[in-house]
Amino acid sequence: MAKVLMTAQVQDGAKWETSFRTHGDLFKTYGLLGPVQFTVSGNEVAQSMETEDVQAFLNSINESQTVEAMKVDGVKRDTVKVYVLYKSAS
């Protein structure tokens, strides 16, 4: 199991959040282990999620339905950063 952190800039934070909340069915296809947690700060967003299969998750965020959802949400794709968190301080 791995935790994934994604960050991005969006055109409008409030619009992004409203649209992002409608993607529950899409998230189910990602093989996530729990809910997607997120925060919005102005035009910057961050999401945290856990997955069993990091490579499958990374592949899914580049599939056409995800790319289209990001476009509708106003995500600036060139600003998307993905961090896989494998290390822990304890």
C-alpha atoms as a PDB file:
ATOM      1  CA  MET A   1       0.000   0.000   0.000  1.00  0.00           C
ATOM      2  CA  ALA A   2       1.262   3.468  -0.851  1.00  0.00           C
ATOM      3  CA  LYS A   3       0.045   6.957  -0.189  1.00  0.00           C
ATOM      4  CA  VAL A   4       0.021   9.302  -3.178  1.00  0.00           C
ATOM      5  CA  LEU A   5       0.026  13.095  -3.014  1.00  0.00           C
ATOM      6  CA  MET A   6      -0.950  15.094  -6.100  1.00  0.00           C
ATOM      7  CA  THR A   7      -0.734  18.850  -6.439  1.00  0.00           C
ATOM      8  CA  ALA A   8      -1.794  21.165  -9.251  1.00  0.00           C
ATOM      9  CA  GLN A   9      -2.767  24.675 -10.133  1.00  0.00           C
ATOM     10  CA  VAL A  10      -6.328  25.234 -11.316  1.00  0.00           C
ATOM     11  CA  GLN A  11      -8.098  28.067 -13.067  1.00  0.00           C
ATOM     12  CA  ASP A  12     -10.631  28.558 -10.258  1.00  0.00           C
ATOM     13  CA  GLY A  13     -10.382  26.781  -6.902  1.00  0.00           C
ATOM     14  CA  ALA A  14     -14.090  26.954  -6.075  1.00  0.00           C
ATOM     15  CA  LYS A  15     -15.121  25.663  -9.514  1.00  0.00           C
ATOM     16  CA  TRP A  16     -12.523  22.891  -9.271  1.00  0.00           C
ATOM     17  CA  GLU A  17     -13.862  21.703  -5.911  1.00  0.00           C
ATOM     18  CA  THR A  18     -17.469  21.640  -7.096  1.00  0.00           C
ATOM     19  CA  SER A  19     -16.558  19.674 -10.209  1.00  0.00           C
ATOM     20  CA  PHE A  20     -14.025  17.410  -8.437  1.00  0.00           C
ATOM     21  CA  ARG A  21     -16.696  16.236  -5.982  1.00  0.00           C
ATOM     22  CA  THR A  22     -18.695  14.737  -8.888  1.00  0.00           C
ATOM     23  CA  HIS A  23     -15.997  12.230  -9.896  1.00  0.00           C
ATOM     24  CA  GLY A  24     -16.759   9.464  -7.378  1.00  0.00           C
ATOM     25  CA  ASP A  25     -17.425   6.851 -10.074  1.00  0.00           C
ATOM     26  CA  LEU A  26     -14.151   7.708 -11.792  1.00  0.00           C
ATOM     27  CA  PHE A  27     -12.226   7.394  -8.505  1.00  0.00           C
ATOM     28  CA  LYS A  28     -13.634   3.869  -8.053  1.00  0.00           C
ATOM     29  CA  THR A  29     -11.744   2.795 -11.194  1.00  0.00           C
ATOM     30  CA  TYR A  30      -8.403   3.825  -9.640  1.00  0.00           C
ATOM     31  CA  GLY A  31      -8.219   0.989  -7.106  1.00  0.00           C
ATOM     32  CA  LEU A  32      -8.085   3.357  -4.151  1.00  0.00           C
ATOM     33  CA  LEU A  33      -8.238   2.013  -0.608  1.00  0.00           C
ATOM     34  CA  GLY A  34     -10.240   4.842   0.915  1.00  0.00           C
ATOM     35  CA  PRO A  35     -11.606   8.285   0.266  1.00  0.00           C
ATOM     36  CA  VAL A  36      -9.645  10.949  -1.569  1.00  0.00           C
ATOM     37  CA  GLN A  37      -8.691  13.740   0.813  1.00  0.00           C
ATOM     38  CA  PHE A  38      -8.018  17.182  -0.613  1.00  0.00           C
ATOM     39  CA  THR A  39      -7.518  20.830   0.118  1.00  0.00           C
ATOM     40  CA  VAL A  40      -7.873  23.996  -1.919  1.00  0.00           C
ATOM     41  CA  SER A  41      -5.803  27.122  -1.339  1.00  0.00           C
ATOM     42  CA  GLY A  42      -6.727  29.792  -3.850  1.00  0.00           C
ATOM     43  CA  ASN A  43      -5.843  28.302  -7.217  1.00  0.00           C
ATOM     44  CA  GLU A  44      -3.712  25.487  -5.808  1.00  0.00           C
ATOM     45  CA  VAL A  45      -5.061  22.082  -4.896  1.00  0.00           C
ATOM     46  CA  ALA A  46      -3.599  19.018  -3.207  1.00  0.00           C
ATOM     47  CA  GLN A  47      -5.067  15.521  -3.012  1.00  0.00           C
ATOM     48  CA  SER A  48      -4.042  12.558  -0.902  1.00  0.00           C
ATOM     49  CA  MET A  49      -5.044   8.970  -1.592  1.00  0.00           C
ATOM     50  CA  GLU A  50      -3.929   5.410  -0.887  1.00  0.00           C
ATOM     51  CA  THR A  51      -3.567   2.690  -3.489  1.00  0.00           C
ATOM     52  CA  GLU A  52      -2.464  -0.948  -3.592  1.00  0.00           C
ATOM     53  CA  ASP A  53      -0.954  -0.597  -7.080  1.00  0.00           C
ATOM     54  CA  VAL A  54       0.968   2.623  -7.685  1.00  0.00           C
ATOM     55  CA  GLN A  55       1.746   1.877 -11.330  1.00  0.00           C
ATOM     56  CA  ALA A  56      -1.908   1.147 -12.140  1.00  0.00           C
ATOM     57  CA  PHE A  57      -2.889   4.406 -10.432  1.00  0.00           C
ATOM     58  CA  LEU A  58      -0.260   6.373 -12.360  1.00  0.00           C
ATOM     59  CA  ASN A  59      -1.505   4.835 -15.603  1.00  0.00           C
ATOM     60  CA  SER A  60      -5.128   5.690 -14.773  1.00  0.00           C
ATOM     61  CA  ILE A  61      -4.457   9.391 -14.253  1.00  0.00           C
ATOM     62  CA  ASN A  62      -3.211   9.578 -17.846  1.00  0.00           C
ATOM     63  CA  GLU A  63      -6.212   7.800 -19.383  1.00  0.00           C
ATOM     64  CA  SER A  64      -8.590   9.814 -21.544  1.00  0.00           C
ATOM     65  CA  GLN A  65     -11.451   9.943 -19.016  1.00  0.00           C
ATOM     66  CA  THR A  66      -9.166  11.386 -16.330  1.00  0.00           C
ATOM     67  CA  VAL A  67      -7.562  13.847 -18.736  1.00  0.00           C
ATOM     68  CA  GLU A  68     -11.047  15.013 -19.763  1.00  0.00           C
ATOM     69  CA  ALA A  69     -12.193  15.304 -16.129  1.00  0.00           C
ATOM     70  CA  MET A  70      -9.142  17.435 -15.322  1.00  0.00           C
ATOM     71  CA  LYS A  71      -9.886  19.634 -18.322  1.00  0.00           C
ATOM     72  CA  VAL A  72     -13.500  20.143 -17.208  1.00  0.00           C
ATOM     73  CA  ASP A  73     -12.278  20.879 -13.661  1.00  0.00           C
ATOM     74  CA  GLY A  74      -9.899  23.560 -14.946  1.00  0.00           C
ATOM     75  CA  VAL A  75      -6.691  21.762 -13.971  1.00  0.00           C
ATOM     76  CA  LYS A  76      -3.541  23.155 -15.558  1.00  0.00           C
ATOM     77  CA  ARG A  77      -2.081  19.763 -16.562  1.00  0.00           C
ATOM     78  CA  ASP A  78       1.459  21.072 -16.922  1.00  0.00           C
ATOM     79  CA  THR A  79       1.444  21.919 -13.194  1.00  0.00           C
ATOM     80  CA  VAL A  80       0.350  18.471 -11.965  1.00  0.00           C
ATOM     81  CA  LYS A  81       2.903  16.872  -9.652  1.00  0.00           C
ATOM     82  CA  VAL A  82       2.596  13.363  -8.230  1.00  0.00           C
ATOM     83  CA  TYR A  83       4.501  12.206  -5.168  1.00  0.00           C
ATOM     84  CA  VAL A  84       4.482   8.598  -3.989  1.00  0.00           C
ATOM     85  CA  LEU A  85       5.112   8.568  -0.236  1.00  0.00           C
ATOM     86  CA  TYR A  86       7.068   5.441   0.676  1.00  0.00           C
ATOM     87  CA  LYS A  87       8.984   6.730   3.676  1.00  0.00           C
ATOM     88  CA  SER A  88       7.910   7.392   7.226  1.00  0.00           C
ATOM     89  CA  ALA A  89       9.592   9.240  10.061  1.00  0.00           C
ATOM     90  CA  SER A  90       8.774   6.583  12.643  1.00  0.00           C
END
